[in-house]
Protein backbone atom coordinates (compact mmCIF):
# COMPACT_ATOMS: atom_id res chain seq x y z
CA UNK A 1 70.94 28.02 -31.02
CA UNK A 2 68.13 26.50 -33.05
CA UNK A 3 64.94 28.51 -32.98
CA UNK A 4 62.30 25.80 -33.04
CA UNK A 5 59.38 28.22 -33.07
CA UNK A 6 60.87 30.09 -36.03
CA UNK A 7 60.99 26.86 -38.05
CA UNK A 8 57.31 26.20 -37.32
CA UNK A 9 56.42 29.80 -38.15
CA UNK A 10 58.34 29.47 -41.42
CA UNK A 11 56.03 26.61 -42.25
CA UNK A 12 52.91 28.60 -41.36
CA UNK A 13 53.93 31.88 -43.01
CA UNK A 14 55.60 30.43 -46.10
CA UNK A 15 52.65 28.05 -46.52
CA UNK A 16 50.21 30.96 -46.34
CA UNK A 17 52.11 33.08 -48.83
CA UNK A 18 52.61 30.10 -51.12
CA UNK A 19 48.82 29.77 -51.14
CA UNK A 20 48.49 33.49 -51.95
CA UNK A 21 51.00 33.34 -54.81
CA UNK A 22 49.38 30.23 -56.31
CA UNK A 23 46.13 32.20 -56.17
CA UNK A 24 47.69 35.14 -57.99
CA UNK A 25 48.98 32.69 -60.61
CA UNK A 26 45.33 32.10 -61.54
CA UNK A 27 45.13 35.54 -63.22
CA UNK A 28 45.75 34.29 -66.76
CA UNK A 29 47.55 30.95 -66.85
CA UNK A 30 47.12 28.34 -69.51
CA UNK A 31 43.82 26.54 -68.92
CA UNK A 32 45.49 23.16 -68.30
CA UNK A 33 47.50 24.73 -65.46
CA UNK A 34 44.39 25.46 -63.36
CA UNK A 35 44.00 22.01 -61.77
CA UNK A 36 47.68 21.71 -60.79
CA UNK A 37 47.50 25.27 -59.41
CA UNK A 38 44.45 24.29 -57.36
CA UNK A 39 46.21 21.21 -56.01
CA UNK A 40 49.33 23.25 -55.19
CA UNK A 41 47.14 25.84 -53.43
CA UNK A 42 45.59 23.07 -51.33
CA UNK A 43 49.02 21.70 -50.41
CA UNK A 44 50.18 25.18 -49.42
CA UNK A 45 47.11 25.70 -47.25
CA UNK A 46 47.70 22.35 -45.55
CA UNK A 47 51.33 23.31 -44.89
CA UNK A 48 50.15 26.61 -43.43
CA UNK A 49 47.59 24.93 -41.18
CA UNK A 50 50.07 22.34 -39.91
CA UNK A 51 52.63 25.10 -39.36
CA UNK A 52 50.10 27.05 -37.30
CA UNK A 53 49.40 23.96 -35.21
CA UNK A 54 53.11 23.34 -34.62
CA UNK A 55 53.66 27.01 -33.79
CA UNK A 56 50.89 26.99 -31.20
CA UNK A 57 52.17 23.88 -29.43
CA UNK A 58 55.73 25.28 -29.49
CA UNK A 59 54.85 28.88 -28.65
CA UNK A 60 57.19 29.00 -25.66
CA UNK A 61 60.13 27.59 -27.61
CA UNK A 62 63.06 29.91 -28.43
CA UNK A 63 62.62 32.45 -31.24
CA UNK A 64 64.97 35.02 -32.72
CA UNK A 65 62.14 37.52 -32.30
CA UNK A 66 62.28 37.16 -28.51
CA UNK A 67 65.16 39.63 -28.60
CA UNK A 68 64.15 43.30 -28.83
CA UNK A 69 66.65 44.47 -31.50
CA UNK A 70 65.87 41.72 -34.08
CA UNK A 71 62.14 42.26 -33.55
CA UNK A 72 62.51 46.00 -34.22
CA UNK A 73 64.54 45.35 -37.39
CA UNK A 74 61.87 42.85 -38.46
CA UNK A 75 59.08 45.42 -38.01
CA UNK A 76 60.99 48.12 -39.87
CA UNK A 77 61.77 45.72 -42.74
CA UNK A 78 58.17 44.51 -42.88
CA UNK A 79 56.64 48.00 -43.09
CA UNK A 80 59.31 49.39 -45.41
CA UNK A 81 58.56 46.55 -47.81
CA UNK A 82 54.87 47.52 -47.88
CA UNK A 83 55.64 51.17 -48.60
CA UNK A 84 58.07 50.30 -51.41
CA UNK A 85 55.69 47.75 -52.92
CA UNK A 86 52.79 50.20 -52.74
CA UNK A 87 54.72 53.09 -54.27
CA UNK A 88 56.15 50.96 -57.08
CA UNK A 89 52.78 49.36 -57.83
CA UNK A 90 51.12 52.78 -57.95
CA UNK A 91 53.72 54.02 -60.43
CA UNK A 92 53.39 50.91 -62.61
CA UNK A 93 49.61 51.17 -62.71
CA UNK A 94 49.72 54.91 -63.49
CA UNK A 95 52.12 54.17 -66.36
CA UNK A 96 49.73 51.51 -67.72
CA UNK A 97 52.11 48.67 -66.83
CA UNK A 98 49.90 46.84 -64.35
CA UNK A 99 51.09 43.52 -65.77
CA UNK A 100 54.41 44.17 -64.05
CA UNK A 101 52.92 44.57 -60.57
CA UNK A 102 53.25 40.88 -59.64
CA UNK A 103 56.94 40.68 -60.64
CA UNK A 104 57.57 43.97 -58.79
CA UNK A 105 55.92 42.70 -55.62
CA UNK A 106 57.82 39.43 -55.84
CA UNK A 107 61.12 41.22 -56.45
CA UNK A 108 60.71 43.39 -53.33
CA UNK A 109 59.48 40.46 -51.24
CA UNK A 110 62.57 38.54 -52.33
CA UNK A 111 64.90 41.41 -51.45
CA UNK A 112 63.38 41.85 -48.00
CA UNK A 113 64.63 38.40 -47.01
CA UNK A 114 68.22 39.67 -47.23
CA UNK A 115 67.73 41.82 -44.13
CA UNK A 116 65.78 39.04 -42.43
CA UNK A 117 68.87 36.80 -42.60
CA UNK A 118 70.30 38.91 -39.80
CA UNK A 119 67.05 39.09 -37.86
CA UNK A 120 66.57 35.32 -37.78
CA UNK A 121 70.28 34.43 -37.94
CA UNK A 122 69.42 32.11 -40.82
CA UNK A 123 71.70 32.12 -43.90
CA UNK A 124 69.19 29.99 -45.83
CA UNK A 125 67.12 33.15 -46.21
CA UNK A 126 69.83 34.38 -48.62
CA UNK A 127 68.89 31.45 -50.87
CA UNK A 128 65.20 32.30 -50.52
CA UNK A 129 65.95 35.92 -51.47
CA UNK A 130 67.92 34.84 -54.54
CA UNK A 131 65.28 32.37 -55.70
CA UNK A 132 62.37 34.79 -55.29
CA UNK A 133 64.11 37.72 -56.98
CA UNK A 134 65.22 35.38 -59.76
CA UNK A 135 61.64 34.17 -60.23
CA UNK A 136 60.48 37.79 -60.42
CA UNK A 137 62.97 38.67 -63.14
CA UNK A 138 62.37 35.40 -65.03
CA UNK A 139 58.61 35.97 -65.07
CA UNK A 140 59.06 39.13 -67.12
CA UNK A 141 60.82 37.18 -69.88
CA UNK A 142 59.04 33.81 -69.67
CA UNK A 143 55.42 34.97 -69.50
CA UNK A 144 55.32 36.67 -72.92
CA UNK A 145 56.89 33.61 -74.56
CA UNK A 146 54.16 31.41 -73.07
CA UNK A 147 51.40 33.96 -73.75
CA UNK A 148 50.34 34.07 -70.09
CA UNK A 149 50.19 36.84 -67.52
CA UNK A 150 53.40 37.76 -65.71
CA UNK A 151 51.50 36.97 -62.52
CA UNK A 152 50.99 33.38 -63.68
CA UNK A 153 54.71 32.78 -63.93
CA UNK A 154 55.60 34.91 -60.88
CA UNK A 155 52.87 33.17 -58.88
CA UNK A 156 53.91 29.67 -59.88
CA UNK A 157 57.55 30.46 -59.17
CA UNK A 158 56.92 32.12 -55.81
CA UNK A 159 54.30 29.59 -54.76
CA UNK A 160 56.60 26.67 -55.51
CA UNK A 161 59.62 28.25 -53.82
CA UNK A 162 57.68 29.26 -50.71
CA UNK A 163 56.01 25.86 -50.44
CA UNK A 164 59.46 24.29 -50.65
CA UNK A 165 60.69 26.54 -47.84
CA UNK A 166 57.58 25.76 -45.77
CA UNK A 167 58.43 22.08 -46.08
CA UNK A 168 62.07 22.88 -45.30
CA UNK A 169 60.80 24.54 -42.11
CA UNK A 170 59.02 21.29 -41.24
CA UNK A 171 62.21 19.32 -41.90
CA UNK A 172 64.26 21.66 -39.74
CA UNK A 173 61.66 21.40 -36.98
CA UNK A 174 61.75 17.61 -37.12
CA UNK A 175 65.57 17.62 -36.98
CA UNK A 176 65.76 19.81 -33.84
């Protein structure tokens, strides 16, 4: 069964978080990256807004979260992610490694999509998990070579990937 509402919510949620990650990429990028980051942020916000609109008009459409068990797993995964991110970020900051917070957050966000594959019955979330965790790891090695903040690379990577998945959500919606 295709979950139309989930595809529209993907667009809204992934668009929103794409916007957030492009914002975090503004921490210390190269100056010439700022305009493209602003344009990408605007595109992400538009995707989010359109996704919200489509979600509202399709609110009664089927969703994987209409079932009690997947919704409970979703809530547990969501809150566990926040605790793990918070604890890891606290430790990194205390150890004077605050530059690694963005890659850490991205790594955990990427991993949390593995469990969501089973909540939403959507194997494409495995790809999202792999891409986001890969972007997190890559940012640690790429950022120093480019003399930018880890958050610039993590943010550009995550923002681009999530915007792509927001648009994929639109495509899946249009194909159902």
